[in-house]
Amino acid sequence: MVDNKVFAALQKLGVINTEGQFVSIDPLYVSPFWLRNLAGELGVAIFSHCKESGIGAVVGSSAGGNFSLAHLLAHQLSLLFGGRKEVLSVFLDRGEEKEIEGERVPTFSLRPTFAEAIKGKPVFVVDGVLQTGRTVKGMCHTLVEAHASVVGIGVICQVGKAFSGALGINKLLSVVEVPAAKAQAA
């Protein structure tokens, strides 16, 4: 999905170094201009994959800038639906790790108001960077327990192709993919 302009911007911000290695997603979150632009690109991709099934909410964690990303994406999707539908933006609070499906993953909690707002709705999970898939697996698990229907996962930067799907969710959209062999620890 990435074009040269976006890749160059991520390098200039320090998200990706000159060798194409992922460094950190944090520099993107302090740049509202680029976060908005990349959320717009990701929003168009999400819309094209979910316009038939619909999307009721975009869900991110409260950690880092993920809630800002979710909020911008929800706004972008609402605009793409032509104002006929408001896409909600909610966040999950991160908790301790526990074992889910044989893997230690972070747990998340959903505030009661948010749980009620997304119950029975199709939701799209977003995260800044996907490395192992553990975080999105924990988020998806919480959302399924809250009776939401997770229809996909969107990320700004995917590191490698190790993601095998969280709870059977195999729709993954990323703005940029960095090979795992070149990835550095975040």
N, C-alpha and C. Protein backbone atom coordinates (compact mmCIF):
# COMPACT_ATOMS: atom_id res chain seq x y z
N MET A 1 0.81 -1.18 0.00
CA MET A 1 0.00 0.00 0.00
C MET A 1 0.87 1.26 0.00
N VAL A 2 2.12 1.13 0.35
CA VAL A 2 2.98 2.30 0.55
C VAL A 2 3.52 2.82 -0.78
N ASP A 3 3.63 4.14 -0.87
CA ASP A 3 4.30 4.72 -2.02
C ASP A 3 5.61 5.35 -1.54
N ASN A 4 6.45 5.79 -2.48
CA ASN A 4 7.77 6.31 -2.13
C ASN A 4 7.69 7.53 -1.23
N LYS A 5 6.68 8.39 -1.42
CA LYS A 5 6.52 9.59 -0.61
C LYS A 5 6.26 9.23 0.86
N VAL A 6 5.40 8.24 1.08
CA VAL A 6 5.09 7.80 2.44
C VAL A 6 6.32 7.16 3.07
N PHE A 7 7.00 6.29 2.35
CA PHE A 7 8.19 5.64 2.88
C PHE A 7 9.25 6.68 3.25
N ALA A 8 9.45 7.68 2.37
CA ALA A 8 10.42 8.74 2.64
C ALA A 8 10.02 9.55 3.88
N ALA A 9 8.73 9.80 4.04
CA ALA A 9 8.25 10.54 5.22
C ALA A 9 8.52 9.75 6.49
N LEU A 10 8.26 8.44 6.46
CA LEU A 10 8.52 7.60 7.63
C LEU A 10 10.01 7.56 7.96
N GLN A 11 10.84 7.59 6.94
CA GLN A 11 12.29 7.66 7.19
C GLN A 11 12.67 9.01 7.78
N LYS A 12 12.12 10.09 7.25
CA LYS A 12 12.44 11.43 7.75
C LYS A 12 12.00 11.59 9.21
N LEU A 13 10.86 11.01 9.55
CA LEU A 13 10.36 11.07 10.92
C LEU A 13 11.18 10.21 11.88
N GLY A 14 11.87 9.19 11.35
CA GLY A 14 12.64 8.29 12.20
C GLY A 14 11.90 7.01 12.55
N VAL A 15 10.76 6.75 11.90
CA VAL A 15 10.03 5.51 12.12
C VAL A 15 10.80 4.35 11.48
N ILE A 16 11.36 4.62 10.30
CA ILE A 16 12.16 3.65 9.55
C ILE A 16 13.50 4.31 9.27
N ASN A 17 14.59 3.57 9.42
CA ASN A 17 15.90 4.17 9.15
C ASN A 17 16.24 4.08 7.65
N THR A 18 17.38 4.60 7.26
CA THR A 18 17.75 4.65 5.85
C THR A 18 17.98 3.28 5.23
N GLU A 19 18.20 2.26 6.07
CA GLU A 19 18.36 0.89 5.56
C GLU A 19 17.01 0.16 5.45
N GLY A 20 15.93 0.86 5.75
CA GLY A 20 14.61 0.25 5.68
C GLY A 20 14.24 -0.55 6.90
N GLN A 21 14.93 -0.32 8.01
CA GLN A 21 14.65 -1.04 9.26
C GLN A 21 13.68 -0.23 10.12
N PHE A 22 12.73 -0.94 10.73
CA PHE A 22 11.81 -0.31 11.67
C PHE A 22 12.58 0.12 12.91
N VAL A 23 12.36 1.36 13.38
CA VAL A 23 13.03 1.87 14.57
C VAL A 23 12.02 2.05 15.70
N SER A 24 11.02 2.90 15.49
CA SER A 24 10.01 3.18 16.52
C SER A 24 8.82 3.88 15.88
N ILE A 25 7.63 3.59 16.35
CA ILE A 25 6.43 4.24 15.85
C ILE A 25 6.22 5.60 16.53
N ASP A 26 6.86 5.83 17.66
CA ASP A 26 6.63 7.05 18.44
C ASP A 26 6.80 8.36 17.67
N PRO A 27 7.83 8.52 16.82
CA PRO A 27 7.95 9.79 16.09
C PRO A 27 6.73 10.14 15.24
N LEU A 28 6.01 9.13 14.78
CA LEU A 28 4.81 9.40 13.99
C LEU A 28 3.71 10.03 14.86
N TYR A 29 3.61 9.60 16.10
CA TYR A 29 2.55 10.08 16.97
C TYR A 29 2.73 11.53 17.42
N VAL A 30 3.91 12.09 17.24
CA VAL A 30 4.11 13.51 17.57
C VAL A 30 4.00 14.39 16.33
N SER A 31 3.64 13.79 15.20
CA SER A 31 3.47 14.53 13.95
C SER A 31 2.02 14.40 13.48
N PRO A 32 1.14 15.31 13.93
CA PRO A 32 -0.27 15.21 13.54
C PRO A 32 -0.48 15.21 12.03
N PHE A 33 0.35 15.95 11.30
CA PHE A 33 0.21 16.02 9.85
C PHE A 33 0.36 14.63 9.23
N TRP A 34 1.45 13.93 9.55
CA TRP A 34 1.69 12.62 8.94
C TRP A 34 0.79 11.55 9.52
N LEU A 35 0.46 11.64 10.80
CA LEU A 35 -0.46 10.67 11.38
C LEU A 35 -1.81 10.78 10.68
N ARG A 36 -2.27 11.99 10.46
CA ARG A 36 -3.55 12.20 9.76
C ARG A 36 -3.49 11.67 8.33
N ASN A 37 -2.39 11.96 7.62
CA ASN A 37 -2.26 11.49 6.24
C ASN A 37 -2.22 9.96 6.16
N LEU A 38 -1.46 9.34 7.04
CA LEU A 38 -1.37 7.88 7.01
C LEU A 38 -2.68 7.23 7.47
N ALA A 39 -3.36 7.86 8.42
CA ALA A 39 -4.68 7.37 8.83
C ALA A 39 -5.65 7.47 7.65
N GLY A 40 -5.50 8.52 6.86
CA GLY A 40 -6.35 8.66 5.68
C GLY A 40 -6.12 7.55 4.69
N GLU A 41 -4.85 7.21 4.43
CA GLU A 41 -4.53 6.11 3.51
C GLU A 41 -5.04 4.78 4.03
N LEU A 42 -4.82 4.54 5.31
CA LEU A 42 -5.29 3.29 5.91
C LEU A 42 -6.82 3.25 5.90
N GLY A 43 -7.45 4.40 6.14
CA GLY A 43 -8.91 4.49 6.13
C GLY A 43 -9.50 4.12 4.78
N VAL A 44 -8.90 4.59 3.71
CA VAL A 44 -9.37 4.26 2.36
C VAL A 44 -9.25 2.75 2.12
N ALA A 45 -8.14 2.15 2.54
CA ALA A 45 -7.95 0.71 2.38
C ALA A 45 -8.98 -0.08 3.20
N ILE A 46 -9.21 0.35 4.44
CA ILE A 46 -10.19 -0.33 5.29
C ILE A 46 -11.58 -0.21 4.66
N PHE A 47 -11.92 0.99 4.20
CA PHE A 47 -13.23 1.22 3.60
C PHE A 47 -13.44 0.31 2.39
N SER A 48 -12.43 0.19 1.54
CA SER A 48 -12.59 -0.63 0.34
C SER A 48 -12.79 -2.11 0.68
N HIS A 49 -12.25 -2.56 1.81
CA HIS A 49 -12.41 -3.95 2.22
C HIS A 49 -13.66 -4.19 3.06
N CYS A 50 -14.22 -3.14 3.66
CA CYS A 50 -15.32 -3.32 4.60
C CYS A 50 -16.60 -2.57 4.24
N LYS A 51 -16.64 -1.94 3.08
CA LYS A 51 -17.82 -1.13 2.76
C LYS A 51 -19.08 -1.98 2.62
N GLU A 52 -18.94 -3.22 2.21
CA GLU A 52 -20.12 -4.10 2.08
C GLU A 52 -20.59 -4.59 3.45
N SER A 53 -19.67 -5.04 4.27
CA SER A 53 -20.04 -5.58 5.58
C SER A 53 -20.32 -4.48 6.58
N GLY A 54 -19.81 -3.29 6.30
CA GLY A 54 -19.99 -2.18 7.23
C GLY A 54 -18.98 -2.25 8.35
N ILE A 55 -18.87 -1.17 9.04
CA ILE A 55 -17.97 -1.10 10.19
C ILE A 55 -18.61 -0.15 11.19
N GLY A 56 -18.73 -0.62 12.42
CA GLY A 56 -19.40 0.17 13.45
C GLY A 56 -18.44 0.97 14.30
N ALA A 57 -17.20 0.48 14.42
CA ALA A 57 -16.24 1.18 15.29
C ALA A 57 -14.82 0.80 14.91
N VAL A 58 -13.92 1.72 15.21
CA VAL A 58 -12.49 1.46 15.12
C VAL A 58 -11.99 1.42 16.56
N VAL A 59 -11.21 0.39 16.88
CA VAL A 59 -10.77 0.18 18.26
C VAL A 59 -9.25 0.13 18.31
N GLY A 60 -8.67 0.94 19.20
CA GLY A 60 -7.24 0.93 19.46
C GLY A 60 -7.01 0.86 20.95
N SER A 61 -5.77 0.64 21.34
CA SER A 61 -5.47 0.64 22.77
C SER A 61 -5.25 2.08 23.23
N SER A 62 -5.33 2.28 24.52
CA SER A 62 -5.11 3.62 25.08
C SER A 62 -3.63 3.94 25.18
N ALA A 63 -2.77 2.97 24.86
CA ALA A 63 -1.32 3.16 24.97
C ALA A 63 -0.77 3.90 23.76
N GLY A 64 0.29 4.67 23.99
CA GLY A 64 0.96 5.38 22.91
C GLY A 64 0.00 6.28 22.16
N GLY A 65 0.09 6.29 20.86
CA GLY A 65 -0.77 7.11 20.03
C GLY A 65 -1.86 6.32 19.35
N ASN A 66 -2.07 5.09 19.79
CA ASN A 66 -3.04 4.22 19.11
C ASN A 66 -4.46 4.73 19.20
N PHE A 67 -4.81 5.40 20.30
CA PHE A 67 -6.16 5.95 20.37
C PHE A 67 -6.32 7.09 19.37
N SER A 68 -5.27 7.91 19.21
CA SER A 68 -5.33 8.98 18.20
C SER A 68 -5.51 8.39 16.81
N LEU A 69 -4.79 7.32 16.52
CA LEU A 69 -4.92 6.64 15.23
C LEU A 69 -6.35 6.14 15.04
N ALA A 70 -6.91 5.50 16.05
CA ALA A 70 -8.27 4.97 15.97
C ALA A 70 -9.28 6.10 15.74
N HIS A 71 -9.09 7.19 16.45
CA HIS A 71 -10.01 8.32 16.32
C HIS A 71 -9.96 8.92 14.91
N LEU A 72 -8.76 9.13 14.39
CA LEU A 72 -8.62 9.66 13.03
C LEU A 72 -9.21 8.71 11.99
N LEU A 73 -8.99 7.42 12.16
CA LEU A 73 -9.55 6.44 11.23
C LEU A 73 -11.07 6.42 11.27
N ALA A 74 -11.64 6.48 12.47
CA ALA A 74 -13.10 6.50 12.59
C ALA A 74 -13.68 7.71 11.88
N HIS A 75 -13.04 8.85 12.04
CA HIS A 75 -13.49 10.07 11.35
C HIS A 75 -13.39 9.91 9.84
N GLN A 76 -12.26 9.40 9.36
CA GLN A 76 -12.05 9.18 7.93
C GLN A 76 -13.10 8.22 7.36
N LEU A 77 -13.38 7.15 8.07
CA LEU A 77 -14.37 6.17 7.61
C LEU A 77 -15.77 6.77 7.59
N SER A 78 -16.09 7.57 8.59
CA SER A 78 -17.40 8.25 8.61
C SER A 78 -17.55 9.13 7.38
N LEU A 79 -16.49 9.84 7.00
CA LEU A 79 -16.52 10.68 5.79
C LEU A 79 -16.68 9.83 4.54
N LEU A 80 -15.97 8.70 4.48
CA LEU A 80 -16.05 7.83 3.32
C LEU A 80 -17.43 7.20 3.15
N PHE A 81 -18.13 7.00 4.26
CA PHE A 81 -19.51 6.50 4.19
C PHE A 81 -20.47 7.64 3.81
N GLY A 82 -19.92 8.81 3.51
CA GLY A 82 -20.73 9.93 3.03
C GLY A 82 -21.64 10.53 4.08
N GLY A 83 -21.29 10.38 5.33
CA GLY A 83 -22.12 10.94 6.40
C GLY A 83 -23.37 10.11 6.68
N ARG A 84 -23.55 9.02 5.95
CA ARG A 84 -24.72 8.16 6.17
C ARG A 84 -24.56 7.32 7.43
N LYS A 85 -23.33 7.24 7.90
CA LYS A 85 -23.04 6.36 9.03
C LYS A 85 -21.91 6.96 9.85
N GLU A 86 -22.10 7.02 11.15
CA GLU A 86 -21.00 7.45 12.02
C GLU A 86 -20.26 6.21 12.51
N VAL A 87 -18.98 6.19 12.27
CA VAL A 87 -18.14 5.11 12.76
C VAL A 87 -17.59 5.55 14.11
N LEU A 88 -17.81 4.76 15.13
CA LEU A 88 -17.38 5.11 16.48
C LEU A 88 -15.89 4.85 16.66
N SER A 89 -15.32 5.49 17.67
CA SER A 89 -13.92 5.29 18.03
C SER A 89 -13.87 4.99 19.52
N VAL A 90 -13.37 3.82 19.87
CA VAL A 90 -13.26 3.46 21.28
C VAL A 90 -11.86 2.93 21.55
N PHE A 91 -11.50 2.87 22.81
CA PHE A 91 -10.18 2.34 23.16
C PHE A 91 -10.27 1.32 24.26
N LEU A 92 -9.24 0.50 24.31
CA LEU A 92 -9.08 -0.53 25.32
C LEU A 92 -7.95 -0.15 26.25
N ASP A 93 -8.12 -0.40 27.54
CA ASP A 93 -7.06 -0.16 28.51
C ASP A 93 -6.26 -1.44 28.68
N ARG A 94 -4.94 -1.30 28.60
CA ARG A 94 -4.06 -2.46 28.69
C ARG A 94 -3.89 -2.91 30.14
N GLY A 95 -3.86 -4.24 30.33
CA GLY A 95 -3.68 -4.82 31.65
C GLY A 95 -2.47 -5.74 31.69
N GLU A 96 -2.51 -6.69 32.57
CA GLU A 96 -1.42 -7.66 32.72
C GLU A 96 -1.48 -8.68 31.59
N GLU A 97 -0.42 -9.46 31.48
CA GLU A 97 -0.40 -10.54 30.49
C GLU A 97 -1.02 -11.80 31.07
N LYS A 98 -1.61 -12.61 30.18
CA LYS A 98 -2.10 -13.93 30.57
C LYS A 98 -1.98 -14.84 29.37
N GLU A 99 -2.16 -16.12 29.61
CA GLU A 99 -2.04 -17.08 28.52
C GLU A 99 -3.37 -17.20 27.80
N ILE A 100 -3.33 -17.00 26.47
CA ILE A 100 -4.50 -17.18 25.61
C ILE A 100 -4.05 -18.05 24.45
N GLU A 101 -4.74 -19.17 24.26
CA GLU A 101 -4.41 -20.10 23.18
C GLU A 101 -2.93 -20.48 23.17
N GLY A 102 -2.38 -20.75 24.37
CA GLY A 102 -1.00 -21.20 24.49
C GLY A 102 0.06 -20.13 24.35
N GLU A 103 -0.32 -18.88 24.38
CA GLU A 103 0.64 -17.78 24.21
C GLU A 103 0.37 -16.70 25.25
N ARG A 104 1.45 -16.13 25.80
CA ARG A 104 1.30 -15.02 26.75
C ARG A 104 1.01 -13.75 25.96
N VAL A 105 -0.15 -13.15 26.23
CA VAL A 105 -0.55 -11.93 25.54
C VAL A 105 -1.06 -10.92 26.56
N PRO A 106 -0.97 -9.63 26.22
CA PRO A 106 -1.51 -8.63 27.14
C PRO A 106 -3.04 -8.72 27.18
N THR A 107 -3.58 -8.47 28.35
CA THR A 107 -5.04 -8.41 28.47
C THR A 107 -5.46 -6.96 28.32
N PHE A 108 -6.72 -6.77 28.01
CA PHE A 108 -7.28 -5.43 27.85
C PHE A 108 -8.64 -5.39 28.51
N SER A 109 -9.03 -4.20 28.93
CA SER A 109 -10.37 -4.01 29.47
C SER A 109 -11.09 -2.96 28.65
N LEU A 110 -12.39 -3.10 28.60
CA LEU A 110 -13.24 -2.22 27.82
C LEU A 110 -14.20 -1.54 28.79
N ARG A 111 -14.20 -0.23 28.80
CA ARG A 111 -15.09 0.51 29.70
C ARG A 111 -16.55 0.17 29.37
N PRO A 112 -17.42 0.13 30.40
CA PRO A 112 -18.81 -0.27 30.17
C PRO A 112 -19.53 0.54 29.08
N THR A 113 -19.30 1.84 29.02
CA THR A 113 -19.94 2.66 27.99
C THR A 113 -19.49 2.22 26.60
N PHE A 114 -18.20 1.92 26.47
CA PHE A 114 -17.66 1.49 25.18
C PHE A 114 -18.18 0.10 24.82
N ALA A 115 -18.24 -0.79 25.82
CA ALA A 115 -18.72 -2.15 25.57
C ALA A 115 -20.15 -2.13 25.04
N GLU A 116 -20.97 -1.31 25.63
CA GLU A 116 -22.36 -1.19 25.17
C GLU A 116 -22.44 -0.61 23.76
N ALA A 117 -21.57 0.35 23.47
CA ALA A 117 -21.58 1.02 22.16
C ALA A 117 -21.20 0.09 21.01
N ILE A 118 -20.34 -0.89 21.27
CA ILE A 118 -19.87 -1.76 20.18
C ILE A 118 -20.50 -3.15 20.19
N LYS A 119 -21.31 -3.45 21.18
CA LYS A 119 -21.91 -4.78 21.29
C LYS A 119 -22.68 -5.12 20.00
N GLY A 120 -22.30 -6.25 19.39
CA GLY A 120 -22.96 -6.72 18.19
C GLY A 120 -22.55 -6.01 16.90
N LYS A 121 -21.61 -5.09 16.98
CA LYS A 121 -21.21 -4.32 15.81
C LYS A 121 -19.91 -4.86 15.20
N PRO A 122 -19.75 -4.67 13.89
CA PRO A 122 -18.47 -5.00 13.28
C PRO A 122 -17.44 -3.94 13.65
N VAL A 123 -16.28 -4.37 14.11
CA VAL A 123 -15.23 -3.43 14.52
C VAL A 123 -13.92 -3.76 13.81
N PHE A 124 -13.10 -2.75 13.65
CA PHE A 124 -11.78 -2.89 13.04
C PHE A 124 -10.76 -2.51 14.10
N VAL A 125 -9.80 -3.38 14.38
CA VAL A 125 -8.77 -3.14 15.38
C VAL A 125 -7.57 -2.47 14.71
N VAL A 126 -7.03 -1.43 15.37
CA VAL A 126 -5.85 -0.75 14.81
C VAL A 126 -4.73 -0.69 15.84
N ASP A 127 -3.51 -0.72 15.31
CA ASP A 127 -2.32 -0.62 16.14
C ASP A 127 -1.26 0.07 15.30
N GLY A 128 -0.33 0.74 15.93
CA GLY A 128 0.71 1.44 15.19
C GLY A 128 1.65 0.51 14.48
N VAL A 129 2.08 -0.52 15.19
CA VAL A 129 3.06 -1.45 14.61
C VAL A 129 2.67 -2.87 15.00
N LEU A 130 2.83 -3.78 14.07
CA LEU A 130 2.56 -5.19 14.31
C LEU A 130 3.86 -5.95 14.15
N GLN A 131 4.31 -6.57 15.25
CA GLN A 131 5.55 -7.36 15.19
C GLN A 131 5.24 -8.83 15.40
N THR A 132 4.72 -9.17 16.56
CA THR A 132 4.43 -10.57 16.87
C THR A 132 2.94 -10.90 16.77
N GLY A 133 2.10 -9.89 16.86
CA GLY A 133 0.66 -10.10 16.85
C GLY A 133 0.06 -10.31 18.22
N ARG A 134 0.90 -10.34 19.26
CA ARG A 134 0.41 -10.59 20.62
C ARG A 134 -0.56 -9.51 21.08
N THR A 135 -0.25 -8.23 20.81
CA THR A 135 -1.11 -7.14 21.27
C THR A 135 -2.47 -7.20 20.59
N VAL A 136 -2.49 -7.34 19.27
CA VAL A 136 -3.79 -7.39 18.59
C VAL A 136 -4.56 -8.66 18.96
N LYS A 137 -3.85 -9.73 19.26
CA LYS A 137 -4.54 -10.95 19.72
C LYS A 137 -5.26 -10.68 21.04
N GLY A 138 -4.59 -9.99 21.96
CA GLY A 138 -5.22 -9.64 23.23
C GLY A 138 -6.41 -8.70 23.04
N MET A 139 -6.27 -7.72 22.14
CA MET A 139 -7.38 -6.79 21.88
C MET A 139 -8.56 -7.54 21.26
N CYS A 140 -8.29 -8.38 20.27
CA CYS A 140 -9.36 -9.13 19.61
C CYS A 140 -10.08 -10.04 20.61
N HIS A 141 -9.34 -10.69 21.48
CA HIS A 141 -9.93 -11.57 22.49
C HIS A 141 -10.91 -10.78 23.37
N THR A 142 -10.51 -9.60 23.81
CA THR A 142 -11.38 -8.75 24.64
C THR A 142 -12.63 -8.34 23.88
N LEU A 143 -12.47 -7.99 22.62
CA LEU A 143 -13.61 -7.54 21.81
C LEU A 143 -14.60 -8.67 21.54
N VAL A 144 -14.09 -9.86 21.28
CA VAL A 144 -14.97 -11.01 21.07
C VAL A 144 -15.74 -11.33 22.35
N GLU A 145 -15.06 -11.24 23.49
CA GLU A 145 -15.74 -11.45 24.78
C GLU A 145 -16.83 -10.41 25.01
N ALA A 146 -16.67 -9.21 24.44
CA ALA A 146 -17.65 -8.13 24.58
C ALA A 146 -18.73 -8.21 23.50
N HIS A 147 -18.74 -9.30 22.73
CA HIS A 147 -19.73 -9.57 21.69
C HIS A 147 -19.66 -8.60 20.52
N ALA A 148 -18.46 -8.13 20.22
CA ALA A 148 -18.25 -7.36 19.00
C ALA A 148 -17.75 -8.33 17.93
N SER A 149 -17.93 -7.98 16.69
CA SER A 149 -17.48 -8.81 15.58
C SER A 149 -16.25 -8.16 14.95
N VAL A 150 -15.08 -8.71 15.20
CA VAL A 150 -13.84 -8.15 14.66
C VAL A 150 -13.74 -8.54 13.19
N VAL A 151 -13.75 -7.51 12.30
CA VAL A 151 -13.73 -7.77 10.85
C VAL A 151 -12.36 -7.58 10.23
N GLY A 152 -11.40 -7.03 10.99
CA GLY A 152 -10.06 -6.87 10.44
C GLY A 152 -9.14 -6.11 11.37
N ILE A 153 -7.88 -6.04 10.95
CA ILE A 153 -6.83 -5.37 11.72
C ILE A 153 -6.06 -4.46 10.77
N GLY A 154 -5.81 -3.24 11.21
CA GLY A 154 -5.04 -2.29 10.41
C GLY A 154 -3.87 -1.76 11.20
N VAL A 155 -2.71 -1.65 10.57
CA VAL A 155 -1.52 -1.13 11.22
C VAL A 155 -0.79 -0.17 10.29
N ILE A 156 -0.01 0.72 10.89
CA ILE A 156 0.84 1.60 10.08
C ILE A 156 2.04 0.81 9.57
N CYS A 157 2.70 0.06 10.46
CA CYS A 157 3.92 -0.65 10.08
C CYS A 157 3.82 -2.11 10.50
N GLN A 158 3.96 -3.00 9.53
CA GLN A 158 4.00 -4.44 9.80
C GLN A 158 5.44 -4.89 9.66
N VAL A 159 5.95 -5.53 10.70
CA VAL A 159 7.33 -6.02 10.68
C VAL A 159 7.28 -7.52 10.39
N GLY A 160 7.66 -7.89 9.18
CA GLY A 160 7.67 -9.29 8.78
C GLY A 160 6.28 -9.82 8.49
N LYS A 161 6.21 -11.12 8.30
CA LYS A 161 4.93 -11.77 7.99
C LYS A 161 4.61 -12.84 9.02
N ALA A 162 5.05 -12.64 10.26
CA ALA A 162 4.84 -13.66 11.30
C ALA A 162 3.40 -13.73 11.77
N PHE A 163 2.59 -12.73 11.45
CA PHE A 163 1.22 -12.69 11.93
C PHE A 163 0.41 -13.82 11.31
N SER A 164 -0.19 -14.66 12.15
CA SER A 164 -0.96 -15.79 11.65
C SER A 164 -2.45 -15.60 11.88
N GLY A 165 -2.84 -14.42 12.32
CA GLY A 165 -4.26 -14.17 12.57
C GLY A 165 -4.56 -14.24 14.05
N ALA A 166 -5.33 -13.30 14.53
CA ALA A 166 -5.74 -13.28 15.93
C ALA A 166 -7.18 -13.77 15.98
N LEU A 167 -7.38 -14.87 16.66
CA LEU A 167 -8.71 -15.47 16.81
C LEU A 167 -9.39 -15.67 15.45
N GLY A 168 -8.62 -16.08 14.47
CA GLY A 168 -9.19 -16.34 13.15
C GLY A 168 -9.41 -15.11 12.28
N ILE A 169 -8.95 -13.94 12.72
CA ILE A 169 -9.09 -12.71 11.93
C ILE A 169 -7.90 -12.64 10.98
N ASN A 170 -8.14 -12.86 9.72
CA ASN A 170 -7.04 -12.92 8.77
C ASN A 170 -6.95 -11.70 7.85
N LYS A 171 -7.85 -10.73 8.01
CA LYS A 171 -7.79 -9.53 7.20
C LYS A 171 -6.86 -8.53 7.88
N LEU A 172 -5.67 -8.37 7.31
CA LEU A 172 -4.67 -7.47 7.86
C LEU A 172 -4.27 -6.47 6.79
N LEU A 173 -4.40 -5.19 7.11
CA LEU A 173 -4.00 -4.11 6.21
C LEU A 173 -2.89 -3.31 6.86
N SER A 174 -1.83 -3.03 6.11
CA SER A 174 -0.73 -2.24 6.66
C SER A 174 -0.30 -1.19 5.64
N VAL A 175 0.14 -0.04 6.13
CA VAL A 175 0.61 1.03 5.25
C VAL A 175 1.99 0.68 4.71
N VAL A 176 2.85 0.16 5.57
CA VAL A 176 4.20 -0.20 5.15
C VAL A 176 4.59 -1.52 5.81
N GLU A 177 5.34 -2.33 5.07
CA GLU A 177 5.83 -3.60 5.61
C GLU A 177 7.35 -3.59 5.55
N VAL A 178 7.97 -3.92 6.68
CA VAL A 178 9.41 -3.99 6.78
C VAL A 178 9.78 -5.45 7.00
N PRO A 179 10.69 -5.99 6.22
CA PRO A 179 11.06 -7.40 6.39
C PRO A 179 11.57 -7.69 7.81
N ALA A 180 11.18 -8.81 8.35
CA ALA A 180 11.58 -9.19 9.71
C ALA A 180 13.10 -9.28 9.84
N ALA A 181 13.76 -9.71 8.81
CA ALA A 181 15.22 -9.84 8.87
C ALA A 181 15.90 -8.51 9.10
N LYS A 182 15.25 -7.41 8.74
CA LYS A 182 15.81 -6.10 8.93
C LYS A 182 15.27 -5.39 10.16
N ALA A 183 14.34 -6.00 10.86
CA ALA A 183 13.68 -5.34 11.98
C ALA A 183 14.61 -5.24 13.19
N GLN A 184 14.48 -4.14 13.89
CA GLN A 184 15.18 -3.96 15.16
C GLN A 184 14.14 -3.97 16.25
N ALA A 185 14.54 -4.21 17.47
CA ALA A 185 13.61 -4.16 18.60
C ALA A 185 13.12 -2.74 18.77
N ALA A 186 11.83 -2.61 19.08
CA ALA A 186 11.23 -1.28 19.24
C ALA A 186 11.56 -0.69 20.59
